């Protein structure tokens, strides 16, 4: 066989192999992206379920506390709980400072 003919066949085979490899890589990337998306969806669903369980347990606990004393205002108890949880979240970051002052004192504190 002529050398030019053999070279042409080899180049054609190499091009076909590159094309097959490119298609494989595209498919592989799509499979990986889909797997990552599915994983993120499952994780988000787990986080949502966890938050719902915590919210229901908190509601039940607040109702139980309010039920023990008829003088307890459930709305006020809920506001106090959320306020304390917010303060705890702020304190957990370790990057915030806050000052608690009596309600009858109005202060403007520069933050800069």
Protein backbone atom coordinates (compact mmCIF):
# COMPACT_ATOMS: atom_id res chain seq x y z
CA UNK A 1 0.00 0.00 0.00
CA UNK A 2 1.19 3.49 -0.70
CA UNK A 3 2.54 5.44 2.27
CA UNK A 4 0.11 8.33 1.69
CA UNK A 5 -2.82 5.92 1.80
CA UNK A 6 -1.65 4.36 5.09
CA UNK A 7 -1.07 7.81 6.60
CA UNK A 8 -4.57 8.91 5.58
CA UNK A 9 -6.12 5.82 7.17
CA UNK A 10 -4.12 6.33 10.38
CA UNK A 11 -5.12 10.00 10.55
CA UNK A 12 -8.77 9.09 9.99
CA UNK A 13 -8.62 6.45 12.75
CA UNK A 14 -6.92 8.91 15.11
CA UNK A 15 -9.58 11.54 14.39
CA UNK A 16 -12.35 8.99 15.02
CA UNK A 17 -10.73 7.95 18.30
CA UNK A 18 -10.47 11.59 19.38
CA UNK A 19 -14.12 12.11 18.49
CA UNK A 20 -15.14 9.05 20.51
CA UNK A 21 -12.98 10.21 23.43
CA UNK A 22 -14.53 13.69 23.30
CA UNK A 23 -18.05 12.23 23.28
CA UNK A 24 -17.15 9.98 26.21
CA UNK A 25 -15.80 12.96 28.17
CA UNK A 26 -18.95 15.00 27.44
CA UNK A 27 -21.14 12.12 28.64
CA UNK A 28 -18.95 11.61 31.71
CA UNK A 29 -19.19 15.31 32.62
CA UNK A 30 -22.97 15.24 32.23
CA UNK A 31 -23.24 12.16 34.45
CA UNK A 32 -21.03 13.79 37.11
CA UNK A 33 -23.00 17.06 36.95
CA UNK A 34 -26.28 15.16 37.25
CA UNK A 35 -24.96 13.16 40.21
CA UNK A 36 -23.82 16.38 41.93
CA UNK A 37 -27.21 17.98 41.30
CA UNK A 38 -29.05 14.95 42.68
CA UNK A 39 -26.79 14.94 45.73
CA UNK A 40 -27.45 18.64 46.35
CA UNK A 41 -31.21 18.07 46.00
CA UNK A 42 -31.13 15.20 48.50
CA UNK A 43 -29.03 17.23 50.92
CA UNK A 44 -31.41 20.19 50.66
CA UNK A 45 -34.35 17.86 51.28
CA UNK A 46 -32.63 16.48 54.36
CA UNK A 47 -31.92 19.98 55.67
CA UNK A 48 -35.55 20.98 55.05
CA UNK A 49 -36.82 17.89 56.89
CA UNK A 50 -34.44 18.56 59.76
CA UNK A 51 -35.63 22.15 60.08
CA UNK A 52 -39.24 21.06 59.96
CA UNK A 53 -38.66 18.51 62.73
CA UNK A 54 -36.92 21.14 64.87
CA UNK A 55 -39.69 23.68 64.21
CA UNK A 56 -42.41 21.18 65.16
CA UNK A 57 -40.54 20.13 68.30
CA UNK A 58 -40.03 23.78 69.27
CA UNK A 59 -43.72 24.53 68.72
CA UNK A 60 -44.71 21.54 70.84
CA UNK A 61 -42.30 22.60 73.59
CA UNK A 62 -43.62 26.17 73.61
CA UNK A 63 -47.21 24.92 73.70
CA UNK A 64 -46.33 22.61 76.60
CA UNK A 65 -44.69 25.45 78.52
CA UNK A 66 -47.62 27.78 77.87
CA UNK A 67 -50.05 25.05 78.88
CA UNK A 68 -48.52 24.69 82.34
CA UNK A 69 -49.41 28.26 83.34
CA UNK A 70 -52.58 29.96 82.12
CA UNK A 71 -50.93 33.36 82.68
CA UNK A 72 -48.25 32.72 80.04
CA UNK A 73 -48.86 34.53 76.77
CA UNK A 74 -47.90 32.14 73.97
CA UNK A 75 -47.11 34.97 71.55
CA UNK A 76 -44.83 36.67 74.07
CA UNK A 77 -43.17 33.35 74.90
CA UNK A 78 -42.57 32.72 71.20
CA UNK A 79 -41.09 36.20 70.69
CA UNK A 80 -38.79 35.69 73.70
CA UNK A 81 -37.68 32.30 72.40
CA UNK A 82 -36.92 33.69 68.94
CA UNK A 83 -35.08 36.65 70.45
CA UNK A 84 -32.90 34.39 72.58
CA UNK A 85 -32.22 32.06 69.65
CA UNK A 86 -31.16 35.04 67.55
CA UNK A 87 -28.82 36.23 70.28
CA UNK A 88 -27.35 32.74 70.53
CA UNK A 89 -26.81 32.60 66.76
CA UNK A 90 -25.09 35.99 66.85
CA UNK A 91 -22.89 34.90 69.75
CA UNK A 92 -21.99 31.65 67.98
CA UNK A 93 -20.37 33.56 65.11
CA UNK A 94 -17.85 35.10 67.50
CA UNK A 95 -17.70 38.16 65.28
CA UNK A 96 -20.38 40.32 66.86
CA UNK A 97 -20.66 42.43 69.94
CA UNK A 98 -23.87 43.70 71.39
CA UNK A 99 -24.95 45.71 74.39
CA UNK A 100 -28.21 45.14 76.23
CA UNK A 101 -29.66 48.28 77.78
CA UNK A 102 -32.92 48.93 79.63
CA UNK A 103 -35.89 49.82 77.45
CA UNK A 104 -36.26 53.33 78.88
CA UNK A 105 -32.76 54.42 77.78
CA UNK A 106 -32.17 55.43 74.18
CA UNK A 107 -28.57 55.28 73.04
CA UNK A 108 -26.97 55.86 69.69
CA UNK A 109 -23.69 54.01 69.54
CA UNK A 110 -21.33 54.63 66.64
CA UNK A 111 -20.26 51.36 65.05
CA UNK A 112 -17.24 52.68 63.15
